[in-house]
């Protein structure tokens, strides 16, 4: 089981997300804490980036995360058309 921390960037991104997506995100984070490669998450390592991974929250929303040792840091949650723009 992995510990999960939330970045300030992620906390800010939640303010712009519809409530039903936030509920789905809670479920996804629960699954992720047990197995970040679970088939329901569709986890992929981002190309051209050494640390970030992407997983699917819904058909249209993606969660970006990375690892610090055995801790998962949730970086951001955005619509799939915006999530890969200006990744920092």
PDB file of N, CA and C in Angstrom:
ATOM      1  N   UNK A   1       0.837  -1.185   0.000  1.00  0.00           N
ATOM      2  CA  UNK A   1       0.000   0.000   0.000  1.00  0.00           C
ATOM      3  C   UNK A   1       0.882   1.249   0.000  1.00  0.00           C
ATOM      4  N   UNK A   2       0.585   2.179  -0.884  1.00  0.00           N
ATOM      5  CA  UNK A   2       1.357   3.405  -1.012  1.00  0.00           C
ATOM      6  C   UNK A   2       0.714   4.543  -0.219  1.00  0.00           C
ATOM      7  N   UNK A   3       1.557   5.382   0.361  1.00  0.00           N
ATOM      8  CA  UNK A   3       1.068   6.632   0.925  1.00  0.00           C
ATOM      9  C   UNK A   3       0.810   7.570  -0.241  1.00  0.00           C
ATOM     10  N   UNK A   4      -0.185   8.436  -0.091  1.00  0.00           N
ATOM     11  CA  UNK A   4      -0.506   9.386  -1.149  1.00  0.00           C
ATOM     12  C   UNK A   4      -0.547  10.786  -0.553  1.00  0.00           C
ATOM     13  N   UNK A   5       0.187  11.696  -1.209  1.00  0.00           N
ATOM     14  CA  UNK A   5       0.179  13.104  -0.834  1.00  0.00           C
ATOM     15  C   UNK A   5      -0.377  13.903  -2.000  1.00  0.00           C
ATOM     16  N   UNK A   6      -0.905  15.086  -1.689  1.00  0.00           N
ATOM     17  CA  UNK A   6      -1.500  15.951  -2.703  1.00  0.00           C
ATOM     18  C   UNK A   6      -0.688  17.231  -2.823  1.00  0.00           C
ATOM     19  N   UNK A   7      -0.269  17.568  -4.039  1.00  0.00           N
ATOM     20  CA  UNK A   7       0.486  18.801  -4.262  1.00  0.00           C
ATOM     21  C   UNK A   7      -0.456  20.001  -4.147  1.00  0.00           C
ATOM     22  N   UNK A   8       0.142  21.162  -3.930  1.00  0.00           N
ATOM     23  CA  UNK A   8      -0.651  22.396  -3.890  1.00  0.00           C
ATOM     24  C   UNK A   8      -1.327  22.624  -5.240  1.00  0.00           C
ATOM     25  N   UNK A   9      -0.642  22.260  -6.301  1.00  0.00           N
ATOM     26  CA  UNK A   9      -1.196  22.393  -7.650  1.00  0.00           C
ATOM     27  C   UNK A   9      -2.480  21.567  -7.775  1.00  0.00           C
ATOM     28  N   UNK A  10      -2.469  20.352  -7.235  1.00  0.00           N
ATOM     29  CA  UNK A  10      -3.647  19.488  -7.265  1.00  0.00           C
ATOM     30  C   UNK A  10      -4.783  20.106  -6.445  1.00  0.00           C
ATOM     31  N   UNK A  11      -4.471  20.593  -5.258  1.00  0.00           N
ATOM     32  CA  UNK A  11      -5.501  21.197  -4.400  1.00  0.00           C
ATOM     33  C   UNK A  11      -6.172  22.378  -5.087  1.00  0.00           C
ATOM     34  N   UNK A  12      -5.384  23.186  -5.799  1.00  0.00           N
ATOM     35  CA  UNK A  12      -5.949  24.317  -6.537  1.00  0.00           C
ATOM     36  C   UNK A  12      -6.804  23.829  -7.702  1.00  0.00           C
ATOM     37  N   UNK A  13      -6.361  22.771  -8.367  1.00  0.00           N
ATOM     38  CA  UNK A  13      -7.103  22.278  -9.532  1.00  0.00           C
ATOM     39  C   UNK A  13      -8.487  21.748  -9.147  1.00  0.00           C
ATOM     40  N   UNK A  14      -8.647  21.286  -7.917  1.00  0.00           N
ATOM     41  CA  UNK A  14      -9.947  20.759  -7.482  1.00  0.00           C
ATOM     42  C   UNK A  14     -11.039  21.820  -7.475  1.00  0.00           C
ATOM     43  N   UNK A  15     -10.667  23.067  -7.303  1.00  0.00           N
ATOM     44  CA  UNK A  15     -11.654  24.151  -7.258  1.00  0.00           C
ATOM     45  C   UNK A  15     -12.381  24.326  -8.585  1.00  0.00           C
ATOM     46  N   UNK A  16     -11.782  23.843  -9.677  1.00  0.00           N
ATOM     47  CA  UNK A  16     -12.351  24.017 -11.015  1.00  0.00           C
ATOM     48  C   UNK A  16     -13.025  22.752 -11.544  1.00  0.00           C
ATOM     49  N   UNK A  17     -13.114  21.726 -10.701  1.00  0.00           N
ATOM     50  CA  UNK A  17     -13.596  20.416 -11.145  1.00  0.00           C
ATOM     51  C   UNK A  17     -15.035  20.192 -10.668  1.00  0.00           C
ATOM     52  N   UNK A  18     -15.915  19.669 -11.539  1.00  0.00           N
ATOM     53  CA  UNK A  18     -17.290  19.346 -11.111  1.00  0.00           C
ATOM     54  C   UNK A  18     -17.299  18.297  -9.991  1.00  0.00           C
ATOM     55  N   UNK A  19     -18.305  18.391  -9.127  1.00  0.00           N
ATOM     56  CA  UNK A  19     -18.373  17.535  -7.947  1.00  0.00           C
ATOM     57  C   UNK A  19     -18.387  16.043  -8.299  1.00  0.00           C
ATOM     58  N   UNK A  20     -19.098  15.643  -9.344  1.00  0.00           N
ATOM     59  CA  UNK A  20     -19.151  14.220  -9.696  1.00  0.00           C
ATOM     60  C   UNK A  20     -17.778  13.686 -10.097  1.00  0.00           C
ATOM     61  N   UNK A  21     -16.942  14.535 -10.679  1.00  0.00           N
ATOM     62  CA  UNK A  21     -15.581  14.129 -11.042  1.00  0.00           C
ATOM     63  C   UNK A  21     -14.736  13.979  -9.775  1.00  0.00           C
ATOM     64  N   UNK A  22     -14.949  14.845  -8.806  1.00  0.00           N
ATOM     65  CA  UNK A  22     -14.229  14.740  -7.530  1.00  0.00           C
ATOM     66  C   UNK A  22     -14.573  13.421  -6.833  1.00  0.00           C
ATOM     67  N   UNK A  23     -15.845  13.030  -6.876  1.00  0.00           N
ATOM     68  CA  UNK A  23     -16.252  11.743  -6.289  1.00  0.00           C
ATOM     69  C   UNK A  23     -15.543  10.581  -6.995  1.00  0.00           C
ATOM     70  N   UNK A  24     -15.479  10.633  -8.310  1.00  0.00           N
ATOM     71  CA  UNK A  24     -14.787   9.585  -9.067  1.00  0.00           C
ATOM     72  C   UNK A  24     -13.295   9.574  -8.730  1.00  0.00           C
ATOM     73  N   UNK A  25     -12.733  10.755  -8.524  1.00  0.00           N
ATOM     74  CA  UNK A  25     -11.316  10.875  -8.181  1.00  0.00           C
ATOM     75  C   UNK A  25     -11.031  10.205  -6.847  1.00  0.00           C
ATOM     76  N   UNK A  26     -11.911  10.364  -5.890  1.00  0.00           N
ATOM     77  CA  UNK A  26     -11.728   9.714  -4.584  1.00  0.00           C
ATOM     78  C   UNK A  26     -11.659   8.198  -4.735  1.00  0.00           C
ATOM     79  N   UNK A  27     -12.527   7.645  -5.572  1.00  0.00           N
ATOM     80  CA  UNK A  27     -12.513   6.198  -5.824  1.00  0.00           C
ATOM     81  C   UNK A  27     -11.198   5.770  -6.486  1.00  0.00           C
ATOM     82  N   UNK A  28     -10.761   6.537  -7.472  1.00  0.00           N
ATOM     83  CA  UNK A  28      -9.526   6.227  -8.193  1.00  0.00           C
ATOM     84  C   UNK A  28      -8.324   6.285  -7.258  1.00  0.00           C
ATOM     85  N   UNK A  29      -8.282   7.272  -6.384  1.00  0.00           N
ATOM     86  CA  UNK A  29      -7.170   7.397  -5.440  1.00  0.00           C
ATOM     87  C   UNK A  29      -7.141   6.212  -4.480  1.00  0.00           C
ATOM     88  N   UNK A  30      -8.304   5.717  -4.089  1.00  0.00           N
ATOM     89  CA  UNK A  30      -8.368   4.521  -3.250  1.00  0.00           C
ATOM     90  C   UNK A  30      -7.778   3.309  -3.944  1.00  0.00           C
ATOM     91  N   UNK A  31      -8.106   3.139  -5.209  1.00  0.00           N
ATOM     92  CA  UNK A  31      -7.546   2.039  -5.990  1.00  0.00           C
ATOM     93  C   UNK A  31      -6.041   2.226  -6.151  1.00  0.00           C
ATOM     94  N   UNK A  32      -5.643   3.456  -6.443  1.00  0.00           N
ATOM     95  CA  UNK A  32      -4.233   3.766  -6.667  1.00  0.00           C
ATOM     96  C   UNK A  32      -3.371   3.484  -5.436  1.00  0.00           C
ATOM     97  N   UNK A  33      -3.902   3.701  -4.256  1.00  0.00           N
ATOM     98  CA  UNK A  33      -3.112   3.473  -3.041  1.00  0.00           C
ATOM     99  C   UNK A  33      -2.755   1.998  -2.871  1.00  0.00           C
ATOM    100  N   UNK A  34      -3.578   1.105  -3.424  1.00  0.00           N
ATOM    101  CA  UNK A  34      -3.296  -0.323  -3.364  1.00  0.00           C
ATOM    102  C   UNK A  34      -2.479  -0.816  -4.550  1.00  0.00           C
ATOM    103  N   UNK A  35      -2.767  -0.263  -5.744  1.00  0.00           N
ATOM    104  CA  UNK A  35      -2.084  -0.731  -6.957  1.00  0.00           C
ATOM    105  C   UNK A  35      -2.185   0.356  -8.026  1.00  0.00           C
ATOM    106  N   UNK A  36      -1.122   1.140  -8.190  1.00  0.00           N
ATOM    107  CA  UNK A  36      -1.173   2.243  -9.156  1.00  0.00           C
ATOM    108  C   UNK A  36      -1.233   1.752 -10.603  1.00  0.00           C
ATOM    109  N   UNK A  37      -1.002   0.476 -10.835  1.00  0.00           N
ATOM    110  CA  UNK A  37      -1.084  -0.103 -12.181  1.00  0.00           C
ATOM    111  C   UNK A  37      -2.372  -0.903 -12.398  1.00  0.00           C
ATOM    112  N   UNK A  38      -3.355  -0.738 -11.549  1.00  0.00           N
ATOM    113  CA  UNK A  38      -4.628  -1.447 -11.687  1.00  0.00           C
ATOM    114  C   UNK A  38      -5.212  -1.169 -13.075  1.00  0.00           C
ATOM    115  N   UNK A  39      -5.797  -2.168 -13.687  1.00  0.00           N
ATOM    116  CA  UNK A  39      -6.295  -2.034 -15.066  1.00  0.00           C
ATOM    117  C   UNK A  39      -7.375  -0.957 -15.213  1.00  0.00           C
ATOM    118  N   UNK A  40      -8.130  -0.700 -14.164  1.00  0.00           N
ATOM    119  CA  UNK A  40      -9.176   0.325 -14.229  1.00  0.00           C
ATOM    120  C   UNK A  40      -8.591   1.729 -14.390  1.00  0.00           C
ATOM    121  N   UNK A  41      -7.344   1.914 -13.969  1.00  0.00           N
ATOM    122  CA  UNK A  41      -6.733   3.243 -14.003  1.00  0.00           C
ATOM    123  C   UNK A  41      -6.149   3.616 -15.366  1.00  0.00           C
ATOM    124  N   UNK A  42      -5.826   2.626 -16.182  1.00  0.00           N
ATOM    125  CA  UNK A  42      -5.186   2.884 -17.483  1.00  0.00           C
ATOM    126  C   UNK A  42      -3.934   3.743 -17.298  1.00  0.00           C
ATOM    127  N   UNK A  43      -3.093   3.375 -16.361  1.00  0.00           N
ATOM    128  CA  UNK A  43      -1.888   4.134 -16.027  1.00  0.00           C
ATOM    129  C   UNK A  43      -0.868   4.063 -17.153  1.00  0.00           C
ATOM    130  N   UNK A  44      -0.304   5.245 -17.478  1.00  0.00           N
ATOM    131  CA  UNK A  44       0.729   5.323 -18.517  1.00  0.00           C
ATOM    132  C   UNK A  44       1.806   6.295 -18.064  1.00  0.00           C
ATOM    133  N   UNK A  45       3.057   5.952 -18.327  1.00  0.00           N
ATOM    134  CA  UNK A  45       4.162   6.872 -18.079  1.00  0.00           C
ATOM    135  C   UNK A  45       4.195   7.859 -19.234  1.00  0.00           C
ATOM    136  N   UNK A  46       4.290   9.146 -18.928  1.00  0.00           N
ATOM    137  CA  UNK A  46       4.273  10.151 -19.980  1.00  0.00           C
ATOM    138  C   UNK A  46       5.570  10.133 -20.774  1.00  0.00           C
ATOM    139  N   UNK A  47       5.450  10.181 -22.074  1.00  0.00           N
ATOM    140  CA  UNK A  47       6.622  10.216 -22.951  1.00  0.00           C
ATOM    141  C   UNK A  47       7.255  11.596 -22.873  1.00  0.00           C
ATOM    142  N   UNK A  48       8.581  11.634 -22.879  1.00  0.00           N
ATOM    143  CA  UNK A  48       9.277  12.904 -22.835  1.00  0.00           C
ATOM    144  C   UNK A  48       9.356  13.515 -21.453  1.00  0.00           C
ATOM    145  N   UNK A  49       8.869  12.788 -20.449  1.00  0.00           N
ATOM    146  CA  UNK A  49       8.916  13.273 -19.073  1.00  0.00           C
ATOM    147  C   UNK A  49       9.429  12.126 -18.218  1.00  0.00           C
ATOM    148  N   UNK A  50      10.431  12.384 -17.418  1.00  0.00           N
ATOM    149  CA  UNK A  50      11.063  11.316 -16.655  1.00  0.00           C
ATOM    150  C   UNK A  50      10.305  10.870 -15.423  1.00  0.00           C
ATOM    151  N   UNK A  51       9.373  11.686 -14.925  1.00  0.00           N
ATOM    152  CA  UNK A  51       8.767  11.334 -13.641  1.00  0.00           C
ATOM    153  C   UNK A  51       7.247  11.199 -13.649  1.00  0.00           C
ATOM    154  N   UNK A  52       6.545  11.844 -14.559  1.00  0.00           N
ATOM    155  CA  UNK A  52       5.088  11.890 -14.483  1.00  0.00           C
ATOM    156  C   UNK A  52       4.401  10.678 -15.103  1.00  0.00           C
ATOM    157  N   UNK A  53       3.315  10.280 -14.445  1.00  0.00           N
ATOM    158  CA  UNK A  53       2.423   9.233 -14.931  1.00  0.00           C
ATOM    159  C   UNK A  53       1.033   9.836 -15.066  1.00  0.00           C
ATOM    160  N   UNK A  54       0.220   9.235 -15.912  1.00  0.00           N
ATOM    161  CA  UNK A  54      -1.153   9.655 -16.115  1.00  0.00           C
ATOM    162  C   UNK A  54      -2.073   8.477 -15.838  1.00  0.00           C
ATOM    163  N   UNK A  55      -3.216   8.753 -15.229  1.00  0.00           N
ATOM    164  CA  UNK A  55      -4.244   7.713 -15.108  1.00  0.00           C
ATOM    165  C   UNK A  55      -5.605   8.344 -15.393  1.00  0.00           C
ATOM    166  N   UNK A  56      -6.538   7.505 -15.782  1.00  0.00           N
ATOM    167  CA  UNK A  56      -7.865   7.933 -16.186  1.00  0.00           C
ATOM    168  C   UNK A  56      -8.791   7.967 -14.967  1.00  0.00           C
ATOM    169  N   UNK A  57      -9.432   9.111 -14.763  1.00  0.00           N
ATOM    170  CA  UNK A  57     -10.449   9.227 -13.708  1.00  0.00           C
ATOM    171  C   UNK A  57     -11.812   8.930 -14.322  1.00  0.00           C
ATOM    172  N   UNK A  58     -12.103   9.598 -15.415  1.00  0.00           N
ATOM    173  CA  UNK A  58     -13.297   9.326 -16.217  1.00  0.00           C
ATOM    174  C   UNK A  58     -12.841   9.324 -17.669  1.00  0.00           C
ATOM    175  N   UNK A  59     -13.772   9.220 -18.554  1.00  0.00           N
ATOM    176  CA  UNK A  59     -13.413   9.249 -19.975  1.00  0.00           C
ATOM    177  C   UNK A  59     -12.718  10.565 -20.334  1.00  0.00           C
ATOM    178  N   UNK A  60     -13.110  11.650 -19.671  1.00  0.00           N
ATOM    179  CA  UNK A  60     -12.603  12.971 -20.035  1.00  0.00           C
ATOM    180  C   UNK A  60     -11.604  13.586 -19.062  1.00  0.00           C
ATOM    181  N   UNK A  61     -11.400  13.017 -17.888  1.00  0.00           N
ATOM    182  CA  UNK A  61     -10.502  13.610 -16.896  1.00  0.00           C
ATOM    183  C   UNK A  61      -9.325  12.704 -16.589  1.00  0.00           C
ATOM    184  N   UNK A  62      -8.152  13.343 -16.468  1.00  0.00           N
ATOM    185  CA  UNK A  62      -6.914  12.615 -16.181  1.00  0.00           C
ATOM    186  C   UNK A  62      -6.272  13.154 -14.916  1.00  0.00           C
ATOM    187  N   UNK A  63      -5.602  12.266 -14.223  1.00  0.00           N
ATOM    188  CA  UNK A  63      -4.875  12.576 -12.999  1.00  0.00           C
ATOM    189  C   UNK A  63      -3.398  12.353 -13.293  1.00  0.00           C
ATOM    190  N   UNK A  64      -2.563  13.361 -13.034  1.00  0.00           N
ATOM    191  CA  UNK A  64      -1.123  13.210 -13.209  1.00  0.00           C
ATOM    192  C   UNK A  64      -0.489  13.023 -11.842  1.00  0.00           C
ATOM    193  N   UNK A  65       0.462  12.100 -11.760  1.00  0.00           N
ATOM    194  CA  UNK A  65       1.123  11.828 -10.485  1.00  0.00           C
ATOM    195  C   UNK A  65       2.559  11.407 -10.712  1.00  0.00           C
ATOM    196  N   UNK A  66       3.330  11.408  -9.630  1.00  0.00           N
ATOM    197  CA  UNK A  66       4.718  10.963  -9.684  1.00  0.00           C
ATOM    198  C   UNK A  66       5.083  10.343  -8.350  1.00  0.00           C
ATOM    199  N   UNK A  67       6.267   9.755  -8.296  1.00  0.00           N
ATOM    200  CA  UNK A  67       6.727   9.074  -7.085  1.00  0.00           C
ATOM    201  C   UNK A  67       7.882   9.824  -6.436  1.00  0.00           C
ATOM    202  N   UNK A  68       7.898   9.838  -5.128  1.00  0.00           N
ATOM    203  CA  UNK A  68       9.058  10.223  -4.335  1.00  0.00           C
ATOM    204  C   UNK A  68       9.279   9.066  -3.378  1.00  0.00           C
ATOM    205  N   UNK A  69      10.288   8.254  -3.696  1.00  0.00           N
ATOM    206  CA  UNK A  69      10.538   6.987  -3.008  1.00  0.00           C
ATOM    207  C   UNK A  69       9.286   6.125  -3.157  1.00  0.00           C
ATOM    208  N   UNK A  70       8.626   5.723  -2.089  1.00  0.00           N
ATOM    209  CA  UNK A  70       7.428   4.880  -2.218  1.00  0.00           C
ATOM    210  C   UNK A  70       6.137   5.678  -2.023  1.00  0.00           C
ATOM    211  N   UNK A  71       6.236   6.999  -2.050  1.00  0.00           N
ATOM    212  CA  UNK A  71       5.069   7.873  -1.864  1.00  0.00           C
ATOM    213  C   UNK A  71       4.581   8.346  -3.231  1.00  0.00           C
ATOM    214  N   UNK A  72       3.281   8.289  -3.434  1.00  0.00           N
ATOM    215  CA  UNK A  72       2.675   8.814  -4.658  1.00  0.00           C
ATOM    216  C   UNK A  72       2.263  10.254  -4.396  1.00  0.00           C
ATOM    217  N   UNK A  73       2.727  11.155  -5.252  1.00  0.00           N
ATOM    218  CA  UNK A  73       2.352  12.562  -5.165  1.00  0.00           C
ATOM    219  C   UNK A  73       1.390  12.855  -6.308  1.00  0.00           C
ATOM    220  N   UNK A  74       0.167  13.235  -5.961  1.00  0.00           N
ATOM    221  CA  UNK A  74      -0.822  13.596  -6.971  1.00  0.00           C
ATOM    222  C   UNK A  74      -0.517  15.021  -7.420  1.00  0.00           C
ATOM    223  N   UNK A  75      -0.222  15.193  -8.703  1.00  0.00           N
ATOM    224  CA  UNK A  75       0.213  16.496  -9.224  1.00  0.00           C
ATOM    225  C   UNK A  75      -0.958  17.373  -9.668  1.00  0.00           C
ATOM    226  N   UNK A  76      -1.835  16.842 -10.496  1.00  0.00           N
ATOM    227  CA  UNK A  76      -2.951  17.652 -10.993  1.00  0.00           C
ATOM    228  C   UNK A  76      -4.089  16.772 -11.506  1.00  0.00           C
ATOM    229  N   UNK A  77      -5.253  17.375 -11.614  1.00  0.00           N
ATOM    230  CA  UNK A  77      -6.448  16.750 -12.185  1.00  0.00           C
ATOM    231  C   UNK A  77      -7.071  17.766 -13.125  1.00  0.00           C
ATOM    232  N   UNK A  78      -7.172  17.400 -14.401  1.00  0.00           N
ATOM    233  CA  UNK A  78      -7.744  18.309 -15.391  1.00  0.00           C
ATOM    234  C   UNK A  78      -8.432  17.508 -16.493  1.00  0.00           C
ATOM    235  N   UNK A  79      -9.189  18.238 -17.297  1.00  0.00           N
ATOM    236  CA  UNK A  79      -9.790  17.660 -18.490  1.00  0.00           C
ATOM    237  C   UNK A  79      -8.674  17.199 -19.422  1.00  0.00           C
ATOM    238  N   UNK A  80      -8.901  16.137 -20.137  1.00  0.00           N
ATOM    239  CA  UNK A  80      -7.844  15.551 -20.969  1.00  0.00           C
ATOM    240  C   UNK A  80      -7.341  16.486 -22.058  1.00  0.00           C
ATOM    241  N   UNK A  81      -8.170  17.437 -22.482  1.00  0.00           N
ATOM    242  CA  UNK A  81      -7.708  18.385 -23.512  1.00  0.00           C
ATOM    243  C   UNK A  81      -6.736  19.413 -22.936  1.00  0.00           C
ATOM    244  N   UNK A  82      -6.712  19.579 -21.603  1.00  0.00           N
ATOM    245  CA  UNK A  82      -5.861  20.581 -20.968  1.00  0.00           C
ATOM    246  C   UNK A  82      -4.726  20.001 -20.127  1.00  0.00           C
ATOM    247  N   UNK A  83      -4.855  18.772 -19.687  1.00  0.00           N
ATOM    248  CA  UNK A  83      -3.945  18.239 -18.674  1.00  0.00           C
ATOM    249  C   UNK A  83      -2.499  18.146 -19.135  1.00  0.00           C
ATOM    250  N   UNK A  84      -2.266  17.943 -20.412  1.00  0.00           N
ATOM    251  CA  UNK A  84      -0.898  17.763 -20.891  1.00  0.00           C
ATOM    252  C   UNK A  84      -0.242  19.063 -21.359  1.00  0.00           C
ATOM    253  N   UNK A  85      -0.979  20.172 -21.305  1.00  0.00           N
ATOM    254  CA  UNK A  85      -0.437  21.473 -21.685  1.00  0.00           C
ATOM    255  C   UNK A  85       0.344  22.052 -20.501  1.00  0.00           C
ATOM    256  N   UNK A  86       1.492  22.602 -20.782  1.00  0.00           N
ATOM    257  CA  UNK A  86       2.289  23.313 -19.757  1.00  0.00           C
ATOM    258  C   UNK A  86       2.488  22.495 -18.495  1.00  0.00           C
ATOM    259  N   UNK A  87       2.908  21.262 -18.633  1.00  0.00           N
ATOM    260  CA  UNK A  87       3.155  20.410 -17.471  1.00  0.00           C
ATOM    261  C   UNK A  87       4.375  20.947 -16.738  1.00  0.00           C
ATOM    262  N   UNK A  88       4.168  21.205 -15.413  1.00  0.00           N
ATOM    263  CA  UNK A  88       5.287  21.698 -14.604  1.00  0.00           C
ATOM    264  C   UNK A  88       5.296  21.052 -13.260  1.00  0.00           C
TER     265      UNK A  88
END
